[in-house]
Amino acid sequence: MATDYKQIAADISKQTAVLKKDIPDTMAGFYAMAKGADKPGALDSKTKEYVALGIAIAMRCDPCIAFHTRTLVKMGCTKAEFEEVLGTAIYMGGGPSLMYAAKAMDAFDQFSAE
């Protein structure tokens, strides 16, 4: 059965909205950290998203794959660029990363079809 990455992103967004309301200080801290980490510096934001995707694959986090893939597609990531990131993730993580790289490819196809 294929994973619906668009639905995963929608579902997690709903739940993080609840957390933002219920534990605002924690969530504000998390979002501040994310904003600071993504701020362009020596690396641009797109490169940082590539790193985040590689970590998402290595950690086997479907929601993370969904969010970072969606962001990369919105940033104009090409299929060739995406696949090179997957290749590096596979190299670093071996067989388990190959399986999650395949899942990330599915996410890319879903978000690119919009």
N, C-alpha and C. Protein backbone atom coordinates (compact mmCIF):
# COMPACT_ATOMS: atom_id res chain seq x y z
N MET A 1 0.84 -1.18 0.00
CA MET A 1 0.00 0.00 0.00
C MET A 1 0.89 1.24 0.00
N ALA A 2 0.59 2.15 -0.89
CA ALA A 2 1.35 3.39 -0.98
C ALA A 2 1.02 4.32 0.19
N THR A 3 2.01 5.07 0.59
CA THR A 3 1.83 6.05 1.66
C THR A 3 1.35 7.34 1.04
N ASP A 4 0.32 7.94 1.63
CA ASP A 4 -0.22 9.21 1.14
C ASP A 4 0.48 10.35 1.89
N TYR A 5 1.55 10.87 1.30
CA TYR A 5 2.35 11.90 1.96
C TYR A 5 1.61 13.22 2.09
N LYS A 6 0.73 13.51 1.17
CA LYS A 6 -0.07 14.74 1.30
C LYS A 6 -0.97 14.64 2.53
N GLN A 7 -1.56 13.46 2.74
CA GLN A 7 -2.43 13.26 3.90
C GLN A 7 -1.63 13.28 5.20
N ILE A 8 -0.46 12.68 5.18
CA ILE A 8 0.40 12.72 6.36
C ILE A 8 0.70 14.16 6.74
N ALA A 9 1.09 14.98 5.77
CA ALA A 9 1.41 16.38 6.05
C ALA A 9 0.19 17.12 6.61
N ALA A 10 -0.98 16.87 6.03
CA ALA A 10 -2.20 17.51 6.51
C ALA A 10 -2.54 17.07 7.93
N ASP A 11 -2.44 15.78 8.20
CA ASP A 11 -2.77 15.25 9.52
C ASP A 11 -1.82 15.79 10.59
N ILE A 12 -0.53 15.78 10.30
CA ILE A 12 0.45 16.25 11.28
C ILE A 12 0.29 17.76 11.50
N SER A 13 -0.04 18.49 10.44
CA SER A 13 -0.26 19.93 10.59
C SER A 13 -1.41 20.22 11.56
N LYS A 14 -2.46 19.43 11.47
CA LYS A 14 -3.59 19.60 12.39
C LYS A 14 -3.15 19.37 13.83
N GLN A 15 -2.39 18.32 14.04
CA GLN A 15 -1.96 17.99 15.40
C GLN A 15 -0.93 18.98 15.94
N THR A 16 -0.05 19.46 15.08
CA THR A 16 0.91 20.46 15.57
C THR A 16 0.20 21.77 15.89
N ALA A 17 -0.89 22.05 15.20
CA ALA A 17 -1.69 23.24 15.54
C ALA A 17 -2.27 23.10 16.95
N VAL A 18 -2.70 21.90 17.31
CA VAL A 18 -3.20 21.65 18.67
C VAL A 18 -2.07 21.87 19.67
N LEU A 19 -0.90 21.33 19.37
CA LEU A 19 0.24 21.51 20.27
C LEU A 19 0.63 22.98 20.39
N LYS A 20 0.56 23.70 19.28
CA LYS A 20 0.89 25.14 19.31
C LYS A 20 -0.03 25.88 20.27
N LYS A 21 -1.28 25.46 20.32
CA LYS A 21 -2.26 26.07 21.22
C LYS A 21 -2.05 25.60 22.67
N ASP A 22 -1.80 24.30 22.85
CA ASP A 22 -1.74 23.73 24.19
C ASP A 22 -0.39 23.92 24.89
N ILE A 23 0.69 23.93 24.12
CA ILE A 23 2.02 24.14 24.71
C ILE A 23 2.76 25.21 23.90
N PRO A 24 2.25 26.45 23.97
CA PRO A 24 2.76 27.51 23.10
C PRO A 24 4.24 27.84 23.31
N ASP A 25 4.73 27.79 24.53
CA ASP A 25 6.13 28.13 24.75
C ASP A 25 7.06 27.11 24.09
N THR A 26 6.74 25.84 24.23
CA THR A 26 7.55 24.79 23.62
C THR A 26 7.54 24.92 22.10
N MET A 27 6.35 25.10 21.56
CA MET A 27 6.24 25.19 20.10
C MET A 27 6.89 26.46 19.56
N ALA A 28 6.77 27.56 20.30
CA ALA A 28 7.44 28.80 19.87
C ALA A 28 8.95 28.60 19.85
N GLY A 29 9.45 27.89 20.85
CA GLY A 29 10.88 27.59 20.88
C GLY A 29 11.31 26.72 19.71
N PHE A 30 10.50 25.72 19.41
CA PHE A 30 10.81 24.84 18.29
C PHE A 30 10.81 25.62 16.98
N TYR A 31 9.78 26.45 16.77
CA TYR A 31 9.70 27.21 15.52
C TYR A 31 10.82 28.24 15.41
N ALA A 32 11.22 28.82 16.55
CA ALA A 32 12.35 29.77 16.54
C ALA A 32 13.64 29.05 16.15
N MET A 33 13.82 27.82 16.69
CA MET A 33 15.00 27.03 16.35
C MET A 33 14.99 26.69 14.86
N ALA A 34 13.83 26.29 14.35
CA ALA A 34 13.71 25.94 12.93
C ALA A 34 14.03 27.16 12.06
N LYS A 35 13.51 28.31 12.44
CA LYS A 35 13.75 29.54 11.66
C LYS A 35 15.23 29.90 11.68
N GLY A 36 15.85 29.77 12.85
CA GLY A 36 17.27 30.08 12.94
C GLY A 36 18.13 29.10 12.15
N ALA A 37 17.77 27.82 12.21
CA ALA A 37 18.54 26.81 11.48
C ALA A 37 18.39 26.96 9.98
N ASP A 38 17.23 27.42 9.53
CA ASP A 38 16.97 27.54 8.09
C ASP A 38 17.47 28.86 7.51
N LYS A 39 17.82 29.80 8.36
CA LYS A 39 18.27 31.12 7.88
C LYS A 39 19.50 30.95 6.98
N PRO A 40 19.44 31.53 5.79
CA PRO A 40 20.60 31.41 4.89
C PRO A 40 21.85 32.01 5.52
N GLY A 41 22.93 31.32 5.36
CA GLY A 41 24.24 31.77 5.83
C GLY A 41 25.27 31.23 4.86
N ALA A 42 26.19 30.43 5.36
CA ALA A 42 27.16 29.79 4.47
C ALA A 42 26.46 28.82 3.53
N LEU A 43 25.32 28.26 3.99
CA LEU A 43 24.49 27.39 3.15
C LEU A 43 23.16 28.09 2.90
N ASP A 44 22.62 27.93 1.69
CA ASP A 44 21.31 28.48 1.41
C ASP A 44 20.22 27.57 1.98
N SER A 45 18.99 28.07 2.01
CA SER A 45 17.88 27.33 2.60
C SER A 45 17.60 26.01 1.87
N LYS A 46 17.76 26.00 0.56
CA LYS A 46 17.50 24.78 -0.21
C LYS A 46 18.50 23.69 0.18
N THR A 47 19.76 24.05 0.32
CA THR A 47 20.77 23.07 0.73
C THR A 47 20.44 22.52 2.11
N LYS A 48 19.99 23.38 2.99
CA LYS A 48 19.63 22.94 4.34
C LYS A 48 18.44 21.99 4.30
N GLU A 49 17.52 22.22 3.39
CA GLU A 49 16.39 21.30 3.24
C GLU A 49 16.86 19.93 2.73
N TYR A 50 17.87 19.93 1.85
CA TYR A 50 18.43 18.67 1.38
C TYR A 50 19.01 17.88 2.57
N VAL A 51 19.72 18.58 3.45
CA VAL A 51 20.28 17.93 4.64
C VAL A 51 19.15 17.37 5.50
N ALA A 52 18.11 18.17 5.70
CA ALA A 52 16.98 17.74 6.52
C ALA A 52 16.31 16.50 5.92
N LEU A 53 16.18 16.46 4.60
CA LEU A 53 15.59 15.29 3.95
C LEU A 53 16.46 14.05 4.18
N GLY A 54 17.75 14.20 4.04
CA GLY A 54 18.65 13.07 4.28
C GLY A 54 18.52 12.54 5.70
N ILE A 55 18.40 13.43 6.65
CA ILE A 55 18.22 13.01 8.05
C ILE A 55 16.86 12.36 8.23
N ALA A 56 15.84 12.91 7.59
CA ALA A 56 14.49 12.32 7.68
C ALA A 56 14.50 10.88 7.17
N ILE A 57 15.22 10.63 6.08
CA ILE A 57 15.31 9.28 5.54
C ILE A 57 16.07 8.38 6.51
N ALA A 58 17.19 8.87 7.03
CA ALA A 58 17.99 8.07 7.96
C ALA A 58 17.22 7.76 9.24
N MET A 59 16.39 8.69 9.69
CA MET A 59 15.62 8.50 10.92
C MET A 59 14.30 7.76 10.66
N ARG A 60 14.00 7.53 9.38
CA ARG A 60 12.79 6.81 8.98
C ARG A 60 11.52 7.51 9.47
N CYS A 61 11.48 8.81 9.21
CA CYS A 61 10.37 9.66 9.68
C CYS A 61 9.50 10.06 8.50
N ASP A 62 8.39 9.35 8.30
CA ASP A 62 7.50 9.66 7.18
C ASP A 62 6.98 11.10 7.21
N PRO A 63 6.53 11.61 8.36
CA PRO A 63 6.08 13.01 8.37
C PRO A 63 7.20 13.98 8.00
N CYS A 64 8.41 13.71 8.45
CA CYS A 64 9.54 14.57 8.10
C CYS A 64 9.81 14.53 6.60
N ILE A 65 9.75 13.32 6.02
CA ILE A 65 9.92 13.18 4.57
C ILE A 65 8.86 14.01 3.86
N ALA A 66 7.62 13.94 4.33
CA ALA A 66 6.53 14.69 3.70
C ALA A 66 6.81 16.20 3.74
N PHE A 67 7.12 16.71 4.92
CA PHE A 67 7.31 18.16 5.06
C PHE A 67 8.51 18.66 4.27
N HIS A 68 9.64 17.96 4.35
CA HIS A 68 10.84 18.45 3.66
C HIS A 68 10.74 18.26 2.15
N THR A 69 10.07 17.20 1.71
CA THR A 69 9.86 17.02 0.27
C THR A 69 8.93 18.11 -0.26
N ARG A 70 7.84 18.37 0.45
CA ARG A 70 6.92 19.43 0.01
C ARG A 70 7.65 20.77 -0.08
N THR A 71 8.47 21.07 0.91
CA THR A 71 9.22 22.33 0.90
C THR A 71 10.19 22.37 -0.27
N LEU A 72 10.89 21.27 -0.52
CA LEU A 72 11.83 21.24 -1.64
C LEU A 72 11.12 21.42 -2.98
N VAL A 73 9.98 20.78 -3.15
CA VAL A 73 9.21 20.95 -4.39
C VAL A 73 8.82 22.41 -4.56
N LYS A 74 8.36 23.04 -3.48
CA LYS A 74 7.98 24.47 -3.54
C LYS A 74 9.20 25.35 -3.86
N MET A 75 10.39 24.91 -3.44
CA MET A 75 11.62 25.67 -3.71
C MET A 75 12.14 25.44 -5.12
N GLY A 76 11.48 24.57 -5.88
CA GLY A 76 11.89 24.33 -7.25
C GLY A 76 12.90 23.20 -7.42
N CYS A 77 13.00 22.34 -6.44
CA CYS A 77 13.90 21.19 -6.53
C CYS A 77 13.53 20.35 -7.75
N THR A 78 14.52 19.99 -8.53
CA THR A 78 14.26 19.13 -9.68
C THR A 78 14.31 17.66 -9.26
N LYS A 79 13.79 16.82 -10.10
CA LYS A 79 13.84 15.38 -9.82
C LYS A 79 15.29 14.91 -9.75
N ALA A 80 16.13 15.42 -10.63
CA ALA A 80 17.54 15.02 -10.64
C ALA A 80 18.24 15.43 -9.34
N GLU A 81 17.99 16.64 -8.87
CA GLU A 81 18.57 17.08 -7.60
C GLU A 81 18.07 16.20 -6.45
N PHE A 82 16.77 15.95 -6.45
CA PHE A 82 16.16 15.14 -5.40
C PHE A 82 16.78 13.75 -5.37
N GLU A 83 16.94 13.16 -6.54
CA GLU A 83 17.51 11.81 -6.61
C GLU A 83 18.97 11.77 -6.17
N GLU A 84 19.73 12.84 -6.41
CA GLU A 84 21.11 12.87 -5.93
C GLU A 84 21.16 12.92 -4.41
N VAL A 85 20.23 13.66 -3.80
CA VAL A 85 20.14 13.68 -2.34
C VAL A 85 19.80 12.27 -1.84
N LEU A 86 18.85 11.61 -2.51
CA LEU A 86 18.49 10.25 -2.12
C LEU A 86 19.70 9.32 -2.24
N GLY A 87 20.48 9.49 -3.29
CA GLY A 87 21.67 8.66 -3.47
C GLY A 87 22.64 8.81 -2.31
N THR A 88 22.85 10.03 -1.85
CA THR A 88 23.74 10.26 -0.72
C THR A 88 23.16 9.65 0.56
N ALA A 89 21.85 9.78 0.75
CA ALA A 89 21.20 9.20 1.93
C ALA A 89 21.32 7.67 1.90
N ILE A 90 21.15 7.08 0.73
CA ILE A 90 21.29 5.62 0.60
C ILE A 90 22.72 5.20 0.93
N TYR A 91 23.68 5.91 0.38
CA TYR A 91 25.09 5.62 0.64
C TYR A 91 25.39 5.66 2.13
N MET A 92 24.88 6.65 2.82
CA MET A 92 25.18 6.82 4.25
C MET A 92 24.39 5.87 5.13
N GLY A 93 23.22 5.45 4.69
CA GLY A 93 22.36 4.64 5.54
C GLY A 93 22.17 3.20 5.12
N GLY A 94 22.71 2.80 3.98
CA GLY A 94 22.59 1.42 3.54
C GLY A 94 21.17 1.03 3.18
N GLY A 95 20.84 -0.25 3.36
CA GLY A 95 19.56 -0.81 2.97
C GLY A 95 18.35 -0.10 3.55
N PRO A 96 18.32 0.16 4.87
CA PRO A 96 17.15 0.85 5.41
C PRO A 96 16.94 2.23 4.77
N SER A 97 18.03 2.94 4.48
CA SER A 97 17.87 4.24 3.83
C SER A 97 17.39 4.09 2.39
N LEU A 98 17.77 3.01 1.72
CA LEU A 98 17.25 2.75 0.37
C LEU A 98 15.73 2.62 0.42
N MET A 99 15.22 1.90 1.40
CA MET A 99 13.77 1.71 1.50
C MET A 99 13.06 3.04 1.75
N TYR A 100 13.62 3.89 2.59
CA TYR A 100 13.00 5.18 2.87
C TYR A 100 13.27 6.19 1.76
N ALA A 101 14.34 6.04 1.02
CA ALA A 101 14.56 6.87 -0.16
C ALA A 101 13.48 6.58 -1.19
N ALA A 102 13.11 5.30 -1.33
CA ALA A 102 12.01 4.95 -2.25
C ALA A 102 10.71 5.60 -1.79
N LYS A 103 10.49 5.64 -0.49
CA LYS A 103 9.29 6.30 0.03
C LYS A 103 9.35 7.81 -0.24
N ALA A 104 10.54 8.39 -0.09
CA ALA A 104 10.70 9.82 -0.36
C ALA A 104 10.45 10.13 -1.83
N MET A 105 10.83 9.22 -2.72
CA MET A 105 10.57 9.40 -4.16
C MET A 105 9.07 9.44 -4.41
N ASP A 106 8.34 8.58 -3.71
CA ASP A 106 6.88 8.58 -3.80
C ASP A 106 6.32 9.93 -3.34
N ALA A 107 6.87 10.46 -2.25
CA ALA A 107 6.43 11.77 -1.75
C ALA A 107 6.70 12.85 -2.79
N PHE A 108 7.88 12.83 -3.41
CA PHE A 108 8.22 13.82 -4.44
C PHE A 108 7.22 13.77 -5.58
N ASP A 109 6.91 12.56 -6.04
CA ASP A 109 5.95 12.41 -7.14
C ASP A 109 4.57 12.96 -6.75
N GLN A 110 4.15 12.70 -5.51
CA GLN A 110 2.84 13.19 -5.06
C GLN A 110 2.81 14.72 -5.00
N PHE A 111 3.82 15.33 -4.40
CA PHE A 111 3.82 16.79 -4.26
C PHE A 111 4.08 17.48 -5.59
N SER A 112 4.82 16.86 -6.49
CA SER A 112 5.09 17.45 -7.81
C SER A 112 3.87 17.41 -8.72
N ALA A 113 2.94 16.54 -8.43
CA ALA A 113 1.75 16.40 -9.29
C ALA A 113 0.73 17.50 -9.07
N GLU A 114 0.95 18.35 -8.08
CA GLU A 114 -0.03 19.42 -7.77
C GLU A 114 -0.13 20.43 -8.89
